[in-house]
Amino acid sequence: MELWTIGAFARAARLSPKALRLYDELHLLVPAHTDPVSGYRRYSQDQLVRARLVARLRRVGMPLARIREVCDLPRGEAAKAVAAYWDEVEAEQRQRRDVVRFLVDTLSEGTTMLPVAVREMPARTMICSLRHVTGAEVNEFTTGMVLRLGDGTVPSLSGMEGAPFFIYHGEVDQDSDGPIEWCRPIPDEAAEAMAARFPDLTIRQDPAHREAYVRLTRSELTPADGMRAGETLEAWMNGQPEPSVPLGPFRQVFFGDPRGAAPDTPLSDVVAPLPLLPATAAG
């Protein structure tokens, strides 16, 4: 079997020798032979198909770890994996485009204020999961908690009082991982049973409070609209006769199912928890 030098193979594969050395170190494209004394790498013609696939996947920005997974799949499954990756890229690109538009609007004209409403929430018992996740992992975390606690066997409260929500204890994006906390209100009398059933989750109390909130529709469940809602709430609190200080981090409440919902269907509230007014607090 004829073996090619790294230079000849690099030209045929449309890769650089530097890239080939890196792919060898990562066990992504291992030479057919490496001289134990000189360290010279030699490649076979049979490796060209894999090498060219790696090069093309790198051109579309696929991470090396994911390329290795794709290259090890049968052709049909590899095609599906590439299509799934590109669907993710396009979804992320849409989100970036929305954020850029938000930034351009904010820098040009200031933030467009959205309607703010206020409601009171009673004290509630909650079952919670605190997790460090990046922006790319939020949906997986959310889906997992919904499937786990939303199967109809976990007792719930009715109306907005029983709607699950996130608490953002820190920023969540490509570089920051929160943490965020998924909370599901439950009846007080169910707390002991739920603690025994879900020992890895936390049972805790959410005190009575007011909530200033901005409502979002299905089409507004984007990072840009979340930023716009957060800035609206901050501006609203600063504009009150006595500027309000939130009790804790902002929340996002989910009271509707996005599956099959029309674009203008309200599904979620971005919330700033506020202290009760003195008269209310006193009863």
C-alpha atoms as a PDB file:
ATOM      1  CA  MET A   1       0.000   0.000   0.000  1.00  0.00           C
ATOM      2  CA  GLU A   2       1.425   3.326  -1.089  1.00  0.00           C
ATOM      3  CA  LEU A   3       1.746   5.880   1.700  1.00  0.00           C
ATOM      4  CA  TRP A   4       1.827   9.622   1.142  1.00  0.00           C
ATOM      5  CA  THR A   5       3.901  12.206   2.944  1.00  0.00           C
ATOM      6  CA  ILE A   6       2.032  14.688   5.088  1.00  0.00           C
ATOM      7  CA  GLY A   7       2.649  17.408   2.499  1.00  0.00           C
ATOM      8  CA  ALA A   8       1.266  15.386  -0.412  1.00  0.00           C
ATOM      9  CA  PHE A   9      -1.708  14.193   1.632  1.00  0.00           C
ATOM     10  CA  ALA A  10      -2.414  17.738   2.851  1.00  0.00           C
ATOM     11  CA  ARG A  11      -2.580  18.999  -0.747  1.00  0.00           C
ATOM     12  CA  ALA A  12      -4.888  16.168  -1.817  1.00  0.00           C
ATOM     13  CA  ALA A  13      -7.142  16.589   1.216  1.00  0.00           C
ATOM     14  CA  ARG A  14      -7.180  20.399   0.992  1.00  0.00           C
ATOM     15  CA  LEU A  15      -5.891  20.637   4.550  1.00  0.00           C
ATOM     16  CA  SER A  16      -2.717  22.152   5.944  1.00  0.00           C
ATOM     17  CA  PRO A  17       0.037  20.018   7.507  1.00  0.00           C
ATOM     18  CA  LYS A  18      -0.559  21.967  10.726  1.00  0.00           C
ATOM     19  CA  ALA A  19      -4.219  20.909  10.720  1.00  0.00           C
ATOM     20  CA  LEU A  20      -3.276  17.287  10.055  1.00  0.00           C
ATOM     21  CA  ARG A  21      -0.916  17.295  13.031  1.00  0.00           C
ATOM     22  CA  LEU A  22      -3.693  18.678  15.241  1.00  0.00           C
ATOM     23  CA  TYR A  23      -6.202  16.094  13.991  1.00  0.00           C
ATOM     24  CA  ASP A  24      -3.681  13.355  14.750  1.00  0.00           C
ATOM     25  CA  GLU A  25      -3.249  14.628  18.319  1.00  0.00           C
ATOM     26  CA  LEU A  26      -7.040  14.661  18.739  1.00  0.00           C
ATOM     27  CA  HIS A  27      -7.365  11.139  17.255  1.00  0.00           C
ATOM     28  CA  LEU A  28      -9.652  12.592  14.610  1.00  0.00           C
ATOM     29  CA  LEU A  29      -7.473  11.629  11.644  1.00  0.00           C
ATOM     30  CA  VAL A  30      -4.643   9.315  12.685  1.00  0.00           C
ATOM     31  CA  PRO A  31      -1.903   8.635  10.067  1.00  0.00           C
ATOM     32  CA  ALA A  32      -1.687   5.154   8.600  1.00  0.00           C
ATOM     33  CA  HIS A  33       1.916   5.052   9.826  1.00  0.00           C
ATOM     34  CA  THR A  34       4.125   7.203  12.046  1.00  0.00           C
ATOM     35  CA  ASP A  35       7.863   6.558  12.067  1.00  0.00           C
ATOM     36  CA  PRO A  36       8.805   5.821  15.697  1.00  0.00           C
ATOM     37  CA  VAL A  37      12.229   7.462  15.293  1.00  0.00           C
ATOM     38  CA  SER A  38      11.666  10.501  13.093  1.00  0.00           C
ATOM     39  CA  GLY A  39       7.982  11.045  13.879  1.00  0.00           C
ATOM     40  CA  TYR A  40       7.216  11.470  10.159  1.00  0.00           C
ATOM     41  CA  ARG A  41       3.577  10.827   9.359  1.00  0.00           C
ATOM     42  CA  ARG A  42       2.401   8.858   6.347  1.00  0.00           C
ATOM     43  CA  TYR A  43      -1.191   8.627   5.067  1.00  0.00           C
ATOM     44  CA  SER A  44      -3.010   6.214   2.772  1.00  0.00           C
ATOM     45  CA  GLN A  45      -5.254   7.165  -0.122  1.00  0.00           C
ATOM     46  CA  ASP A  46      -8.154   5.446   1.681  1.00  0.00           C
ATOM     47  CA  GLN A  47      -8.027   8.213   4.307  1.00  0.00           C
ATOM     48  CA  LEU A  48      -8.844  10.945   1.782  1.00  0.00           C
ATOM     49  CA  VAL A  49     -12.615  10.562   2.121  1.00  0.00           C
ATOM     50  CA  ARG A  50     -12.492  11.115   5.883  1.00  0.00           C
ATOM     51  CA  ALA A  51      -9.957  13.923   5.531  1.00  0.00           C
ATOM     52  CA  ARG A  52     -12.070  15.810   2.988  1.00  0.00           C
ATOM     53  CA  LEU A  53     -15.186  15.354   5.133  1.00  0.00           C
ATOM     54  CA  VAL A  54     -13.314  16.843   8.087  1.00  0.00           C
ATOM     55  CA  ALA A  55     -12.180  19.779   5.957  1.00  0.00           C
ATOM     56  CA  ARG A  56     -15.690  20.490   4.698  1.00  0.00           C
ATOM     57  CA  LEU A  57     -17.250  20.247   8.133  1.00  0.00           C
ATOM     58  CA  ARG A  58     -14.642  22.653   9.470  1.00  0.00           C
ATOM     59  CA  ARG A  59     -15.568  25.088   6.678  1.00  0.00           C
ATOM     60  CA  VAL A  60     -19.120  25.255   8.059  1.00  0.00           C
ATOM     61  CA  GLY A  61     -17.790  25.796  11.577  1.00  0.00           C
ATOM     62  CA  MET A  62     -18.542  22.429  13.160  1.00  0.00           C
ATOM     63  CA  PRO A  63     -16.507  21.895  16.379  1.00  0.00           C
ATOM     64  CA  LEU A  64     -13.815  19.243  16.165  1.00  0.00           C
ATOM     65  CA  ALA A  65     -15.366  17.044  18.866  1.00  0.00           C
ATOM     66  CA  ARG A  66     -18.624  16.950  16.939  1.00  0.00           C
ATOM     67  CA  ILE A  67     -16.806  16.262  13.659  1.00  0.00           C
ATOM     68  CA  ARG A  68     -15.260  13.171  15.219  1.00  0.00           C
ATOM     69  CA  GLU A  69     -18.748  11.933  16.158  1.00  0.00           C
ATOM     70  CA  VAL A  70     -20.046  12.546  12.625  1.00  0.00           C
ATOM     71  CA  CYS A  71     -17.076  10.840  10.976  1.00  0.00           C
ATOM     72  CA  ASP A  72     -17.619   7.693  13.037  1.00  0.00           C
ATOM     73  CA  LEU A  73     -21.288   7.355  11.988  1.00  0.00           C
ATOM     74  CA  PRO A  74     -22.666   5.375   9.046  1.00  0.00           C
ATOM     75  CA  ARG A  75     -23.319   7.585   6.017  1.00  0.00           C
ATOM     76  CA  GLY A  76     -27.090   7.937   6.537  1.00  0.00           C
ATOM     77  CA  GLU A  77     -26.778   8.779  10.223  1.00  0.00           C
ATOM     78  CA  ALA A  78     -23.905  11.140   9.465  1.00  0.00           C
ATOM     79  CA  ALA A  79     -26.113  13.014   7.008  1.00  0.00           C
ATOM     80  CA  LYS A  80     -28.813  13.403   9.668  1.00  0.00           C
ATOM     81  CA  ALA A  81     -26.220  14.604  12.196  1.00  0.00           C
ATOM     82  CA  VAL A  82     -24.924  17.257   9.783  1.00  0.00           C
ATOM     83  CA  ALA A  83     -28.488  18.443   9.059  1.00  0.00           C
ATOM     84  CA  ALA A  84     -29.242  18.622  12.802  1.00  0.00           C
ATOM     85  CA  TYR A  85     -26.074  20.643  13.400  1.00  0.00           C
ATOM     86  CA  TRP A  86     -27.028  23.142  10.717  1.00  0.00           C
ATOM     87  CA  ASP A  87     -30.548  23.507  12.133  1.00  0.00           C
ATOM     88  CA  GLU A  88     -28.912  24.477  15.433  1.00  0.00           C
ATOM     89  CA  VAL A  89     -26.597  26.947  13.681  1.00  0.00           C
ATOM     90  CA  GLU A  90     -29.504  28.637  11.910  1.00  0.00           C
ATOM     91  CA  ALA A  91     -31.499  28.867  15.157  1.00  0.00           C
ATOM     92  CA  GLU A  92     -28.514  30.461  16.915  1.00  0.00           C
ATOM     93  CA  GLN A  93     -28.056  32.826  13.972  1.00  0.00           C
ATOM     94  CA  ARG A  94     -31.674  33.963  14.219  1.00  0.00           C
ATOM     95  CA  GLN A  95     -31.165  34.664  17.915  1.00  0.00           C
ATOM     96  CA  ARG A  96     -27.983  36.628  17.213  1.00  0.00           C
ATOM     97  CA  ARG A  97     -29.799  38.641  14.535  1.00  0.00           C
ATOM     98  CA  ASP A  98     -32.554  39.523  17.021  1.00  0.00           C
ATOM     99  CA  VAL A  99     -29.993  40.595  19.627  1.00  0.00           C
ATOM    100  CA  VAL A 100     -28.161  42.742  17.053  1.00  0.00           C
ATOM    101  CA  ARG A 101     -31.415  44.457  16.100  1.00  0.00           C
ATOM    102  CA  PHE A 102     -32.128  45.064  19.784  1.00  0.00           C
ATOM    103  CA  LEU A 103     -28.673  46.584  20.267  1.00  0.00           C
ATOM    104  CA  VAL A 104     -29.004  48.780  17.179  1.00  0.00           C
ATOM    105  CA  ASP A 105     -32.420  50.030  18.312  1.00  0.00           C
ATOM    106  CA  THR A 106     -31.172  50.630  21.863  1.00  0.00           C
ATOM    107  CA  LEU A 107     -28.041  52.473  20.762  1.00  0.00           C
ATOM    108  CA  SER A 108     -29.980  54.539  18.217  1.00  0.00           C
ATOM    109  CA  GLU A 109     -33.179  55.439  20.035  1.00  0.00           C
ATOM    110  CA  GLY A 110     -33.068  53.851  23.485  1.00  0.00           C
ATOM    111  CA  THR A 111     -35.031  50.829  24.659  1.00  0.00           C
ATOM    112  CA  THR A 112     -38.659  50.618  23.524  1.00  0.00           C
ATOM    113  CA  MET A 113     -40.696  50.300  26.707  1.00  0.00           C
ATOM    114  CA  LEU A 114     -43.189  47.442  26.939  1.00  0.00           C
ATOM    115  CA  PRO A 115     -46.385  47.422  29.060  1.00  0.00           C
ATOM    116  CA  VAL A 116     -45.772  46.609  32.742  1.00  0.00           C
ATOM    117  CA  ALA A 117     -48.423  45.167  35.076  1.00  0.00           C
ATOM    118  CA  VAL A 118     -48.340  44.316  38.788  1.00  0.00           C
ATOM    119  CA  ARG A 119     -49.928  41.447  40.695  1.00  0.00           C
ATOM    120  CA  GLU A 120     -49.667  39.899  44.153  1.00  0.00           C
ATOM    121  CA  MET A 121     -48.546  36.328  44.741  1.00  0.00           C
ATOM    122  CA  PRO A 122     -49.163  34.369  47.963  1.00  0.00           C
ATOM    123  CA  ALA A 123     -46.546  32.401  49.845  1.00  0.00           C
ATOM    124  CA  ARG A 124     -45.966  29.047  48.151  1.00  0.00           C
ATOM    125  CA  THR A 125     -44.058  25.812  48.590  1.00  0.00           C
ATOM    126  CA  MET A 126     -41.846  24.993  45.633  1.00  0.00           C
ATOM    127  CA  ILE A 127     -39.843  22.052  44.341  1.00  0.00           C
ATOM    128  CA  CYS A 128     -36.681  23.361  42.687  1.00  0.00           C
ATOM    129  CA  SER A 129     -33.568  22.379  40.760  1.00  0.00           C
ATOM    130  CA  LEU A 130     -30.534  24.690  40.630  1.00  0.00           C
ATOM    131  CA  ARG A 131     -28.213  24.155  37.680  1.00  0.00           C
ATOM    132  CA  HIS A 132     -25.248  25.793  35.964  1.00  0.00           C
ATOM    133  CA  VAL A 133     -26.118  25.870  32.250  1.00  0.00           C
ATOM    134  CA  THR A 134     -25.008  27.897  29.251  1.00  0.00           C
ATOM    135  CA  GLY A 135     -27.388  29.387  26.725  1.00  0.00           C
ATOM    136  CA  ALA A 136     -27.071  26.293  24.532  1.00  0.00           C
ATOM    137  CA  GLU A 137     -28.084  24.026  27.439  1.00  0.00           C
ATOM    138  CA  VAL A 138     -31.133  25.892  28.753  1.00  0.00           C
ATOM    139  CA  ASN A 139     -33.653  24.170  26.472  1.00  0.00           C
ATOM    140  CA  GLU A 140     -32.367  20.723  27.401  1.00  0.00           C
ATOM    141  CA  PHE A 141     -32.585  21.593  31.111  1.00  0.00           C
ATOM    142  CA  THR A 142     -36.105  22.995  30.706  1.00  0.00           C
ATOM    143  CA  THR A 143     -37.339  20.034  28.697  1.00  0.00           C
ATOM    144  CA  GLY A 144     -35.919  17.604  31.230  1.00  0.00           C
ATOM    145  CA  MET A 145     -37.640  19.307  34.171  1.00  0.00           C
ATOM    146  CA  VAL A 146     -40.963  19.622  32.321  1.00  0.00           C
ATOM    147  CA  LEU A 147     -40.931  15.922  31.452  1.00  0.00           C
ATOM    148  CA  ARG A 148     -39.949  14.966  34.965  1.00  0.00           C
ATOM    149  CA  LEU A 149     -42.388  17.136  36.918  1.00  0.00           C
ATOM    150  CA  GLY A 150     -45.138  17.634  34.351  1.00  0.00           C
ATOM    151  CA  ASP A 151     -46.264  14.046  33.842  1.00  0.00           C
ATOM    152  CA  GLY A 152     -49.493  14.606  35.783  1.00  0.00           C
ATOM    153  CA  THR A 153     -48.359  12.762  38.925  1.00  0.00           C
ATOM    154  CA  VAL A 154     -46.863  15.802  40.692  1.00  0.00           C
ATOM    155  CA  PRO A 155     -49.539  17.865  42.545  1.00  0.00           C
ATOM    156  CA  SER A 156     -49.836  21.446  41.356  1.00  0.00           C
ATOM    157  CA  LEU A 157     -51.539  24.725  42.156  1.00  0.00           C
ATOM    158  CA  SER A 158     -54.125  26.242  39.842  1.00  0.00           C
ATOM    159  CA  GLY A 159     -53.761  29.391  37.758  1.00  0.00           C
ATOM    160  CA  MET A 160     -50.761  31.697  37.711  1.00  0.00           C
ATOM    161  CA  GLU A 161     -49.849  30.632  41.265  1.00  0.00           C
ATOM    162  CA  GLY A 162     -48.985  27.172  39.950  1.00  0.00           C
ATOM    163  CA  ALA A 163     -47.073  28.186  36.827  1.00  0.00           C
ATOM    164  CA  PRO A 164     -43.442  26.968  36.781  1.00  0.00           C
ATOM    165  CA  PHE A 165     -40.661  29.520  36.413  1.00  0.00           C
ATOM    166  CA  PHE A 166     -36.941  30.127  36.126  1.00  0.00           C
ATOM    167  CA  ILE A 167     -34.986  32.253  38.588  1.00  0.00           C
ATOM    168  CA  TYR A 168     -31.911  33.745  36.925  1.00  0.00           C
ATOM    169  CA  HIS A 169     -29.265  33.822  39.650  1.00  0.00           C
ATOM    170  CA  GLY A 170     -26.655  34.814  37.047  1.00  0.00           C
ATOM    171  CA  GLU A 171     -26.206  35.560  33.375  1.00  0.00           C
ATOM    172  CA  VAL A 172     -26.860  32.714  30.947  1.00  0.00           C
ATOM    173  CA  ASP A 173     -25.223  32.968  27.525  1.00  0.00           C
ATOM    174  CA  GLN A 174     -22.415  31.357  25.523  1.00  0.00           C
ATOM    175  CA  ASP A 175     -19.826  32.333  28.149  1.00  0.00           C
ATOM    176  CA  SER A 176     -21.803  32.415  31.424  1.00  0.00           C
ATOM    177  CA  ASP A 177     -23.613  29.528  33.080  1.00  0.00           C
ATOM    178  CA  GLY A 178     -25.930  31.195  35.579  1.00  0.00           C
ATOM    179  CA  PRO A 179     -26.828  29.394  37.650  1.00  0.00           C
ATOM    180  CA  ILE A 180     -30.547  29.245  36.996  1.00  0.00           C
ATOM    181  CA  GLU A 181     -33.192  27.601  39.151  1.00  0.00           C
ATOM    182  CA  TRP A 182     -36.250  25.795  37.817  1.00  0.00           C
ATOM    183  CA  CYS A 183     -39.147  26.086  40.289  1.00  0.00           C
ATOM    184  CA  ARG A 184     -42.519  24.327  40.328  1.00  0.00           C
ATOM    185  CA  PRO A 185     -45.081  25.449  42.966  1.00  0.00           C
ATOM    186  CA  ILE A 186     -46.807  22.561  44.772  1.00  0.00           C
ATOM    187  CA  PRO A 187     -49.430  22.309  47.540  1.00  0.00           C
ATOM    188  CA  ASP A 188     -47.979  22.631  51.042  1.00  0.00           C
ATOM    189  CA  GLU A 189     -49.320  19.221  52.028  1.00  0.00           C
ATOM    190  CA  ALA A 190     -47.432  17.562  49.152  1.00  0.00           C
ATOM    191  CA  ALA A 191     -44.019  18.791  50.277  1.00  0.00           C
ATOM    192  CA  GLU A 192     -43.036  15.742  52.355  1.00  0.00           C
ATOM    193  CA  ALA A 193     -44.057  13.232  49.692  1.00  0.00           C
ATOM    194  CA  MET A 194     -42.296  15.164  46.931  1.00  0.00           C
ATOM    195  CA  ALA A 195     -39.113  15.448  49.018  1.00  0.00           C
ATOM    196  CA  ALA A 196     -39.085  11.661  49.397  1.00  0.00           C
ATOM    197  CA  ARG A 197     -39.829  11.079  45.721  1.00  0.00           C
ATOM    198  CA  PHE A 198     -37.252  13.571  44.411  1.00  0.00           C
ATOM    199  CA  PRO A 199     -34.351  13.511  46.900  1.00  0.00           C
ATOM    200  CA  ASP A 200     -32.054  15.305  44.446  1.00  0.00           C
ATOM    201  CA  LEU A 201     -34.384  18.334  44.248  1.00  0.00           C
ATOM    202  CA  THR A 202     -34.942  21.084  46.838  1.00  0.00           C
ATOM    203  CA  ILE A 203     -38.193  21.883  48.626  1.00  0.00           C
ATOM    204  CA  ARG A 204     -38.338  25.503  49.786  1.00  0.00           C
ATOM    205  CA  GLN A 205     -40.683  28.408  50.415  1.00  0.00           C
ATOM    206  CA  ASP A 206     -41.362  31.371  48.168  1.00  0.00           C
ATOM    207  CA  PRO A 207     -42.584  34.233  50.400  1.00  0.00           C
ATOM    208  CA  ALA A 208     -45.617  36.341  49.541  1.00  0.00           C
ATOM    209  CA  HIS A 209     -44.680  39.241  47.287  1.00  0.00           C
ATOM    210  CA  ARG A 210     -45.756  41.566  44.508  1.00  0.00           C
ATOM    211  CA  GLU A 211     -44.608  41.025  40.953  1.00  0.00           C
ATOM    212  CA  ALA A 212     -44.026  43.606  38.259  1.00  0.00           C
ATOM    213  CA  TYR A 213     -44.104  41.767  34.963  1.00  0.00           C
ATOM    214  CA  VAL A 214     -43.893  42.103  31.202  1.00  0.00           C
ATOM    215  CA  ARG A 215     -45.914  39.610  29.168  1.00  0.00           C
ATOM    216  CA  LEU A 216     -44.421  37.908  26.118  1.00  0.00           C
ATOM    217  CA  THR A 217     -46.136  36.106  23.255  1.00  0.00           C
ATOM    218  CA  ARG A 218     -44.945  33.015  21.405  1.00  0.00           C
ATOM    219  CA  SER A 219     -43.109  35.143  18.834  1.00  0.00           C
ATOM    220  CA  GLU A 220     -41.417  37.150  21.593  1.00  0.00           C
ATOM    221  CA  LEU A 221     -39.724  34.208  23.319  1.00  0.00           C
ATOM    222  CA  THR A 222     -36.314  35.320  22.044  1.00  0.00           C
ATOM    223  CA  PRO A 223     -33.155  36.498  23.826  1.00  0.00           C
ATOM    224  CA  ALA A 224     -33.658  40.012  22.425  1.00  0.00           C
ATOM    225  CA  ASP A 225     -37.216  40.302  23.751  1.00  0.00           C
ATOM    226  CA  GLY A 226     -36.071  38.918  27.097  1.00  0.00           C
ATOM    227  CA  MET A 227     -33.443  41.687  27.259  1.00  0.00           C
ATOM    228  CA  ARG A 228     -36.031  44.271  26.260  1.00  0.00           C
ATOM    229  CA  ALA A 229     -38.407  43.032  28.969  1.00  0.00           C
ATOM    230  CA  GLY A 230     -35.658  43.152  31.602  1.00  0.00           C
ATOM    231  CA  GLU A 231     -34.659  46.708  30.705  1.00  0.00           C
ATOM    232  CA  THR A 232     -38.332  47.731  30.700  1.00  0.00           C
ATOM    233  CA  LEU A 233     -38.762  46.396  34.244  1.00  0.00           C
ATOM    234  CA  GLU A 234     -35.613  48.179  35.457  1.00  0.00           C
ATOM    235  CA  ALA A 235     -36.777  51.473  33.919  1.00  0.00           C
ATOM    236  CA  TRP A 236     -40.264  51.016  35.394  1.00  0.00           C
ATOM    237  CA  MET A 237     -38.893  50.373  38.899  1.00  0.00           C
ATOM    238  CA  ASN A 238     -36.589  53.392  38.693  1.00  0.00           C
ATOM    239  CA  GLY A 239     -39.503  55.549  37.556  1.00  0.00           C
ATOM    240  CA  GLN A 240     -41.752  54.806  40.539  1.00  0.00           C
ATOM    241  CA  PRO A 241     -42.309  57.611  43.115  1.00  0.00           C
ATOM    242  CA  GLU A 242     -40.223  55.524  45.496  1.00  0.00           C
ATOM    243  CA  PRO A 243     -37.903  53.443  43.292  1.00  0.00           C
ATOM    244  CA  SER A 244     -38.487  49.747  43.980  1.00  0.00           C
ATOM    245  CA  VAL A 245     -35.707  47.340  44.862  1.00  0.00           C
ATOM    246  CA  PRO A 246     -36.528  43.776  43.755  1.00  0.00           C
ATOM    247  CA  LEU A 247     -36.540  41.040  46.372  1.00  0.00           C
ATOM    248  CA  GLY A 248     -34.270  38.910  44.259  1.00  0.00           C
ATOM    249  CA  PRO A 249     -33.180  38.065  40.732  1.00  0.00           C
ATOM    250  CA  PHE A 250     -35.556  38.395  37.784  1.00  0.00           C
ATOM    251  CA  ARG A 251     -37.729  35.418  36.926  1.00  0.00           C
ATOM    252  CA  GLN A 252     -39.414  34.056  33.845  1.00  0.00           C
ATOM    253  CA  VAL A 253     -42.796  32.421  34.357  1.00  0.00           C
ATOM    254  CA  PHE A 254     -44.182  29.936  31.815  1.00  0.00           C
ATOM    255  CA  PHE A 255     -47.973  29.600  31.829  1.00  0.00           C
ATOM    256  CA  GLY A 256     -48.608  28.297  28.290  1.00  0.00           C
ATOM    257  CA  ASP A 257     -47.447  25.547  25.965  1.00  0.00           C
ATOM    258  CA  PRO A 258     -45.539  26.906  22.933  1.00  0.00           C
ATOM    259  CA  ARG A 259     -46.217  23.763  20.887  1.00  0.00           C
ATOM    260  CA  GLY A 260     -48.780  24.693  18.265  1.00  0.00           C
ATOM    261  CA  ALA A 261     -49.387  28.142  19.761  1.00  0.00           C
ATOM    262  CA  ALA A 262     -50.060  31.050  17.410  1.00  0.00           C
ATOM    263  CA  PRO A 263     -47.336  33.749  17.279  1.00  0.00           C
ATOM    264  CA  ASP A 264     -49.502  36.259  19.185  1.00  0.00           C
ATOM    265  CA  THR A 265     -50.477  33.836  21.987  1.00  0.00           C
ATOM    266  CA  PRO A 266     -49.262  35.034  25.438  1.00  0.00           C
ATOM    267  CA  LEU A 267     -47.085  32.320  26.995  1.00  0.00           C
ATOM    268  CA  SER A 268     -44.612  33.824  29.448  1.00  0.00           C
ATOM    269  CA  ASP A 269     -43.962  36.687  31.882  1.00  0.00           C
ATOM    270  CA  VAL A 270     -40.599  38.248  32.710  1.00  0.00           C
ATOM    271  CA  VAL A 271     -40.939  39.132  36.387  1.00  0.00           C
ATOM    272  CA  ALA A 272     -39.320  41.362  38.984  1.00  0.00           C
ATOM    273  CA  PRO A 273     -40.347  40.173  42.499  1.00  0.00           C
ATOM    274  CA  LEU A 274     -41.125  43.150  44.765  1.00  0.00           C
ATOM    275  CA  PRO A 275     -41.891  43.568  48.467  1.00  0.00           C
ATOM    276  CA  LEU A 276     -45.521  43.687  49.520  1.00  0.00           C
ATOM    277  CA  LEU A 277     -46.922  47.157  50.142  1.00  0.00           C
ATOM    278  CA  PRO A 278     -47.043  48.026  53.870  1.00  0.00           C
ATOM    279  CA  ALA A 279     -50.839  47.763  54.137  1.00  0.00           C
ATOM    280  CA  THR A 280     -50.824  44.398  52.379  1.00  0.00           C
ATOM    281  CA  ALA A 281     -47.948  43.081  54.440  1.00  0.00           C
ATOM    282  CA  ALA A 282     -49.733  44.048  57.629  1.00  0.00           C
ATOM    283  CA  GLY A 283     -52.822  42.219  56.507  1.00  0.00           C
END
